[in-house]
C-alpha atoms as a PDB file:
ATOM      1  CA  MET A   1     -22.088 -44.648  -8.432  1.00  0.00           C
ATOM      2  CA  ASN A   2     -19.318 -42.257  -6.878  1.00  0.00           C
ATOM      3  CA  THR A   3     -19.514 -42.003  -2.216  1.00  0.00           C
ATOM      4  CA  ALA A   4     -20.611 -38.395  -2.626  1.00  0.00           C
ATOM      5  CA  HIS A   5     -23.484 -39.339  -5.160  1.00  0.00           C
ATOM      6  CA  ARG A   6     -24.339 -42.515  -3.305  1.00  0.00           C
ATOM      7  CA  HIS A   7     -24.549 -40.359   0.248  1.00  0.00           C
ATOM      8  CA  ARG A   8     -26.639 -37.376  -1.589  1.00  0.00           C
ATOM      9  CA  ALA A   9     -29.103 -40.354  -3.319  1.00  0.00           C
ATOM     10  CA  GLN A  10     -29.568 -41.764  -0.134  1.00  0.00           C
ATOM     11  CA  ARG A  11     -30.294 -38.520   1.732  1.00  0.00           C
ATOM     12  CA  ILE A  12     -32.786 -37.416  -1.004  1.00  0.00           C
ATOM     13  CA  HIS A  13     -34.673 -41.563  -0.758  1.00  0.00           C
ATOM     14  CA  SER A  14     -34.407 -41.149   3.352  1.00  0.00           C
ATOM     15  CA  GLU A  15     -36.312 -37.519   3.402  1.00  0.00           C
ATOM     16  CA  ALA A  16     -39.221 -37.527  -0.173  1.00  0.00           C
ATOM     17  CA  THR A  17     -42.540 -39.423   0.745  1.00  0.00           C
ATOM     18  CA  ILE A  18     -42.089 -42.234  -1.906  1.00  0.00           C
ATOM     19  CA  VAL A  19     -44.896 -43.103  -3.520  1.00  0.00           C
ATOM     20  CA  ASN A  20     -46.241 -46.496  -5.192  1.00  0.00           C
ATOM     21  CA  LEU A  21     -49.320 -45.429  -7.266  1.00  0.00           C
ATOM     22  CA  HIS A  22     -50.097 -48.968  -8.161  1.00  0.00           C
ATOM     23  CA  ASP A  23     -49.603 -52.192  -6.030  1.00  0.00           C
ATOM     24  CA  HIS A  24     -51.800 -55.003  -6.490  1.00  0.00           C
ATOM     25  CA  MET A  25     -49.947 -57.257  -2.915  1.00  0.00           C
ATOM     26  CA  GLY A  26     -51.147 -56.764   0.141  1.00  0.00           C
ATOM     27  CA  ARG A  27     -49.442 -58.959   2.396  1.00  0.00           C
ATOM     28  CA  PRO A  28     -47.947 -58.473   5.763  1.00  0.00           C
ATOM     29  CA  GLN A  29     -44.584 -59.458   4.808  1.00  0.00           C
ATOM     30  CA  ASP A  30     -45.184 -56.165   1.195  1.00  0.00           C
ATOM     31  CA  PHE A  31     -46.037 -53.410   3.651  1.00  0.00           C
ATOM     32  CA  ASP A  32     -42.312 -54.654   5.234  1.00  0.00           C
ATOM     33  CA  ASP A  33     -40.525 -54.616   2.416  1.00  0.00           C
ATOM     34  CA  MET A  34     -42.093 -51.387   1.974  1.00  0.00           C
ATOM     35  CA  LEU A  35     -40.846 -49.503   5.147  1.00  0.00           C
ATOM     36  CA  ARG A  36     -37.721 -51.746   4.349  1.00  0.00           C
ATOM     37  CA  GLY A  37     -36.898 -49.626   1.192  1.00  0.00           C
ATOM     38  CA  GLY A  38     -37.930 -46.865   2.321  1.00  0.00           C
ATOM     39  CA  VAL A  39     -41.502 -46.118   0.440  1.00  0.00           C
ATOM     40  CA  ALA A  40     -44.897 -44.543   2.637  1.00  0.00           C
ATOM     41  CA  VAL A  41     -47.481 -45.100   0.634  1.00  0.00           C
ATOM     42  CA  LYS A  42     -48.868 -47.373  -1.911  1.00  0.00           C
ATOM     43  CA  VAL A  43     -52.092 -48.104  -3.597  1.00  0.00           C
ATOM     44  CA  TYR A  44     -53.272 -51.060  -2.763  1.00  0.00           C
ATOM     45  CA  LYS A  45     -55.313 -51.754  -5.484  1.00  0.00           C
ATOM     46  CA  PRO A  46     -56.820 -55.839  -5.210  1.00  0.00           C
ATOM     47  CA  PHE A  47     -57.560 -56.991  -8.296  1.00  0.00           C
ATOM     48  CA  ASN A  48     -58.944 -55.416 -11.797  1.00  0.00           C
ATOM     49  CA  ASP A  49     -61.910 -55.723 -12.557  1.00  0.00           C
ATOM     50  CA  GLY A  50     -62.777 -59.025 -14.514  1.00  0.00           C
ATOM     51  CA  LYS A  51     -60.136 -61.573 -12.264  1.00  0.00           C
ATOM     52  CA  TYR A  52     -58.749 -61.502  -9.010  1.00  0.00           C
ATOM     53  CA  TYR A  53     -55.564 -63.876  -7.638  1.00  0.00           C
ATOM     54  CA  ASP A  54     -56.710 -66.866  -5.609  1.00  0.00           C
ATOM     55  CA  GLU A  55     -54.606 -67.577  -1.898  1.00  0.00           C
ATOM     56  CA  ARG A  56     -52.168 -70.068  -4.455  1.00  0.00           C
ATOM     57  CA  ASN A  57     -51.453 -66.959  -6.619  1.00  0.00           C
ATOM     58  CA  ARG A  58     -53.544 -68.296  -9.743  1.00  0.00           C
ATOM     59  CA  ARG A  59     -55.729 -66.414 -11.695  1.00  0.00           C
ATOM     60  CA  VAL A  60     -59.605 -66.649 -11.534  1.00  0.00           C
ATOM     61  CA  PHE A  61     -61.619 -65.735 -14.127  1.00  0.00           C
ATOM     62  CA  PRO A  62     -65.472 -64.945 -12.549  1.00  0.00           C
ATOM     63  CA  GLY A  63     -68.446 -65.495 -15.241  1.00  0.00           C
ATOM     64  CA  ASP A  64     -71.598 -63.315 -14.639  1.00  0.00           C
ATOM     65  CA  GLY A  65     -73.050 -62.785 -11.234  1.00  0.00           C
ATOM     66  CA  PHE A  66     -70.007 -62.599  -9.159  1.00  0.00           C
ATOM     67  CA  ASP A  67     -70.233 -60.773  -6.242  1.00  0.00           C
ATOM     68  CA  TRP A  68     -67.443 -58.473  -6.825  1.00  0.00           C
ATOM     69  CA  THR A  69     -68.539 -56.532  -4.441  1.00  0.00           C
ATOM     70  CA  ALA A  70     -68.353 -59.422  -1.592  1.00  0.00           C
ATOM     71  CA  LEU A  71     -64.474 -60.079  -2.599  1.00  0.00           C
ATOM     72  CA  TYR A  72     -63.661 -56.486  -2.422  1.00  0.00           C
ATOM     73  CA  GLN A  73     -64.833 -55.978   1.286  1.00  0.00           C
ATOM     74  CA  GLU A  74     -63.450 -59.426   2.720  1.00  0.00           C
ATOM     75  CA  MET A  75     -59.910 -58.086   0.407  1.00  0.00           C
ATOM     76  CA  ILE A  76     -60.298 -54.876   3.209  1.00  0.00           C
ATOM     77  CA  GLY A  77     -60.774 -56.705   5.788  1.00  0.00           C
ATOM     78  CA  ARG A  78     -57.809 -58.220   5.722  1.00  0.00           C
ATOM     79  CA  ILE A  79     -56.127 -54.425   6.100  1.00  0.00           C
ATOM     80  CA  GLU A  80     -58.626 -54.300   8.872  1.00  0.00           C
ATOM     81  CA  LYS A  81     -57.636 -56.953  10.391  1.00  0.00           C
ATOM     82  CA  LEU A  82     -53.477 -56.398   9.791  1.00  0.00           C
ATOM     83  CA  GLU A  83     -53.786 -52.790  10.624  1.00  0.00           C
ATOM     84  CA  SER A  84     -55.396 -53.026  14.598  1.00  0.00           C
ATOM     85  CA  GLY A  85     -53.191 -56.703  15.110  1.00  0.00           C
ATOM     86  CA  PRO A  86     -50.536 -56.583  17.226  1.00  0.00           C
ATOM     87  CA  GLY A  87     -47.350 -54.999  16.221  1.00  0.00           C
ATOM     88  CA  SER A  88     -49.327 -53.640  13.804  1.00  0.00           C
ATOM     89  CA  ARG A  89     -47.301 -51.803  10.991  1.00  0.00           C
ATOM     90  CA  VAL A  90     -49.675 -50.542   8.072  1.00  0.00           C
ATOM     91  CA  VAL A  91     -52.751 -47.771   8.450  1.00  0.00           C
ATOM     92  CA  ILE A  92     -54.888 -47.203   5.456  1.00  0.00           C
ATOM     93  CA  ALA A  93     -55.650 -43.566   4.678  1.00  0.00           C
ATOM     94  CA  ARG A  94     -59.079 -42.182   4.831  1.00  0.00           C
ATOM     95  CA  ARG A  95     -58.333 -39.002   5.121  1.00  0.00           C
ATOM     96  CA  PHE A  96     -54.268 -36.707   3.789  1.00  0.00           C
ATOM     97  CA  SER A  97     -53.961 -36.298   8.397  1.00  0.00           C
ATOM     98  CA  ASP A  98     -53.359 -40.072   8.274  1.00  0.00           C
ATOM     99  CA  LEU A  99     -50.111 -40.197   5.670  1.00  0.00           C
ATOM    100  CA  ALA A 100     -48.498 -38.336   8.016  1.00  0.00           C
ATOM    101  CA  LYS A 101     -49.942 -40.757  11.223  1.00  0.00           C
ATOM    102  CA  ALA A 102     -48.552 -43.347   9.635  1.00  0.00           C
ATOM    103  CA  ARG A 103     -44.784 -41.713   8.703  1.00  0.00           C
ATOM    104  CA  GLY A 104     -44.657 -40.426  12.056  1.00  0.00           C
ATOM    105  CA  ALA A 105     -45.918 -43.774  13.474  1.00  0.00           C
ATOM    106  CA  HIS A 106     -43.290 -45.806  11.223  1.00  0.00           C
ATOM    107  CA  LYS A 107     -46.415 -47.765   9.176  1.00  0.00           C
ATOM    108  CA  ALA A 108     -46.494 -48.214   5.597  1.00  0.00           C
ATOM    109  CA  ALA A 109     -49.708 -46.219   4.781  1.00  0.00           C
ATOM    110  CA  VAL A 110     -52.415 -47.910   2.157  1.00  0.00           C
ATOM    111  CA  ILE A 111     -54.859 -45.909   0.276  1.00  0.00           C
ATOM    112  CA  LEU A 112     -56.946 -48.332  -0.569  1.00  0.00           C
ATOM    113  CA  GLY A 113     -57.940 -48.186  -5.324  1.00  0.00           C
ATOM    114  CA  ASN A 114     -59.279 -50.324  -7.816  1.00  0.00           C
ATOM    115  CA  GLU A 115     -59.144 -50.924 -11.273  1.00  0.00           C
ATOM    116  CA  GLY A 116     -62.697 -50.232 -12.815  1.00  0.00           C
ATOM    117  CA  CYS A 117     -65.780 -49.902 -10.817  1.00  0.00           C
ATOM    118  CA  LEU A 118     -66.721 -53.570 -10.659  1.00  0.00           C
ATOM    119  CA  PRO A 119     -66.883 -53.278  -6.373  1.00  0.00           C
ATOM    120  CA  LEU A 120     -69.312 -50.679  -6.266  1.00  0.00           C
ATOM    121  CA  GLY A 121     -72.224 -52.740  -7.503  1.00  0.00           C
ATOM    122  CA  ARG A 122     -74.753 -52.791 -10.444  1.00  0.00           C
ATOM    123  CA  GLU A 123     -75.886 -49.414  -9.154  1.00  0.00           C
ATOM    124  CA  LEU A 124     -73.745 -48.062  -7.325  1.00  0.00           C
ATOM    125  CA  GLU A 125     -75.176 -49.512  -4.378  1.00  0.00           C
ATOM    126  CA  ALA A 126     -71.888 -50.592  -2.206  1.00  0.00           C
ATOM    127  CA  PHE A 127     -69.853 -46.653  -2.686  1.00  0.00           C
ATOM    128  CA  ASP A 128     -70.683 -45.344   0.075  1.00  0.00           C
ATOM    129  CA  ALA A 129     -69.832 -48.291   2.162  1.00  0.00           C
ATOM    130  CA  LEU A 130     -66.699 -49.033   0.460  1.00  0.00           C
ATOM    131  CA  TYR A 131     -65.898 -45.239   0.354  1.00  0.00           C
ATOM    132  CA  GLN A 132     -66.398 -45.820   4.457  1.00  0.00           C
ATOM    133  CA  ARG A 133     -64.201 -48.453   4.816  1.00  0.00           C
ATOM    134  CA  GLY A 134     -61.095 -46.987   2.805  1.00  0.00           C
ATOM    135  CA  LEU A 135     -62.018 -46.953  -0.848  1.00  0.00           C
ATOM    136  CA  ARG A 136     -60.487 -43.266  -2.229  1.00  0.00           C
ATOM    137  CA  GLU A 137     -58.875 -44.765  -5.672  1.00  0.00           C
ATOM    138  CA  ILE A 138     -60.469 -46.289  -8.563  1.00  0.00           C
ATOM    139  CA  ALA A 139     -59.943 -46.417 -12.504  1.00  0.00           C
ATOM    140  CA  LEU A 140     -62.929 -44.930 -13.653  1.00  0.00           C
ATOM    141  CA  TYR A 141     -61.433 -46.424 -16.775  1.00  0.00           C
ATOM    142  CA  TRP A 142     -60.326 -49.566 -17.095  1.00  0.00           C
ATOM    143  CA  PRO A 143     -59.722 -51.472 -20.619  1.00  0.00           C
ATOM    144  CA  ALA A 144     -61.420 -54.861 -20.654  1.00  0.00           C
ATOM    145  CA  GLY A 145     -59.325 -56.865 -22.469  1.00  0.00           C
ATOM    146  CA  ARG A 146     -60.325 -60.403 -23.836  1.00  0.00           C
ATOM    147  CA  GLN A 147     -61.326 -62.317 -20.209  1.00  0.00           C
ATOM    148  CA  THR A 148     -63.544 -59.728 -18.886  1.00  0.00           C
ATOM    149  CA  ARG A 149     -65.875 -58.447 -22.070  1.00  0.00           C
ATOM    150  CA  HIS A 150     -68.383 -60.515 -20.364  1.00  0.00           C
ATOM    151  CA  VAL A 151     -68.260 -58.552 -17.405  1.00  0.00           C
ATOM    152  CA  LEU A 152     -67.124 -55.502 -19.498  1.00  0.00           C
ATOM    153  CA  LYS A 153     -68.961 -53.576 -22.183  1.00  0.00           C
ATOM    154  CA  GLU A 154     -66.806 -50.916 -22.854  1.00  0.00           C
ATOM    155  CA  ASP A 155     -66.082 -48.229 -25.602  1.00  0.00           C
ATOM    156  CA  ARG A 156     -62.199 -47.509 -25.666  1.00  0.00           C
ATOM    157  CA  THR A 157     -63.278 -44.307 -22.585  1.00  0.00           C
ATOM    158  CA  LEU A 158     -65.309 -45.083 -19.719  1.00  0.00           C
ATOM    159  CA  THR A 159     -66.322 -48.117 -18.327  1.00  0.00           C
ATOM    160  CA  PRO A 160     -70.347 -48.177 -18.160  1.00  0.00           C
ATOM    161  CA  HIS A 161     -70.133 -47.223 -14.235  1.00  0.00           C
ATOM    162  CA  ALA A 162     -68.176 -44.509 -14.224  1.00  0.00           C
ATOM    163  CA  TYR A 163     -70.482 -42.408 -16.459  1.00  0.00           C
ATOM    164  CA  GLN A 164     -72.513 -43.338 -13.603  1.00  0.00           C
ATOM    165  CA  ILE A 165     -69.822 -42.109 -11.639  1.00  0.00           C
ATOM    166  CA  ILE A 166     -69.505 -39.808 -12.625  1.00  0.00           C
ATOM    167  CA  GLU A 167     -73.406 -38.856 -13.314  1.00  0.00           C
ATOM    168  CA  ARG A 168     -73.382 -38.742  -9.715  1.00  0.00           C
ATOM    169  CA  ALA A 169     -70.780 -36.412  -8.916  1.00  0.00           C
END
């Protein structure tokens, strides 16, 4: 790439709002990496229905009866702690204006999401509480693989929870 093209690409990158629409990483250094790379916003999905990664980055496939809501609340708590800590470099985007606020403060904006609906609870009892804490994106279709069939029965269209969410809306 010649110098003129490189400068043009750098200018476009610096003027654009770069959004990572899918990320599972929520460690402090990940937000610093976002800012260094010019990524303004990311949709952070702490886990997907049926599995998560433990503190040693090992995949865990809990069985029936696992409290997915509590795990999601714990993951949100980690980001809230980073958000309110000294020298914070992250903002949880709960409304559109938070994106501009984060950018103006040179902080990474995080939109909380999840692959699948298990954190909402069997009867969607956690929907409102998770929304209040920042959950804004959820995959209504999550193709449960072999490892999660015991958790979700799915028909290759929507998860059972997705039907409940749509009926509620």
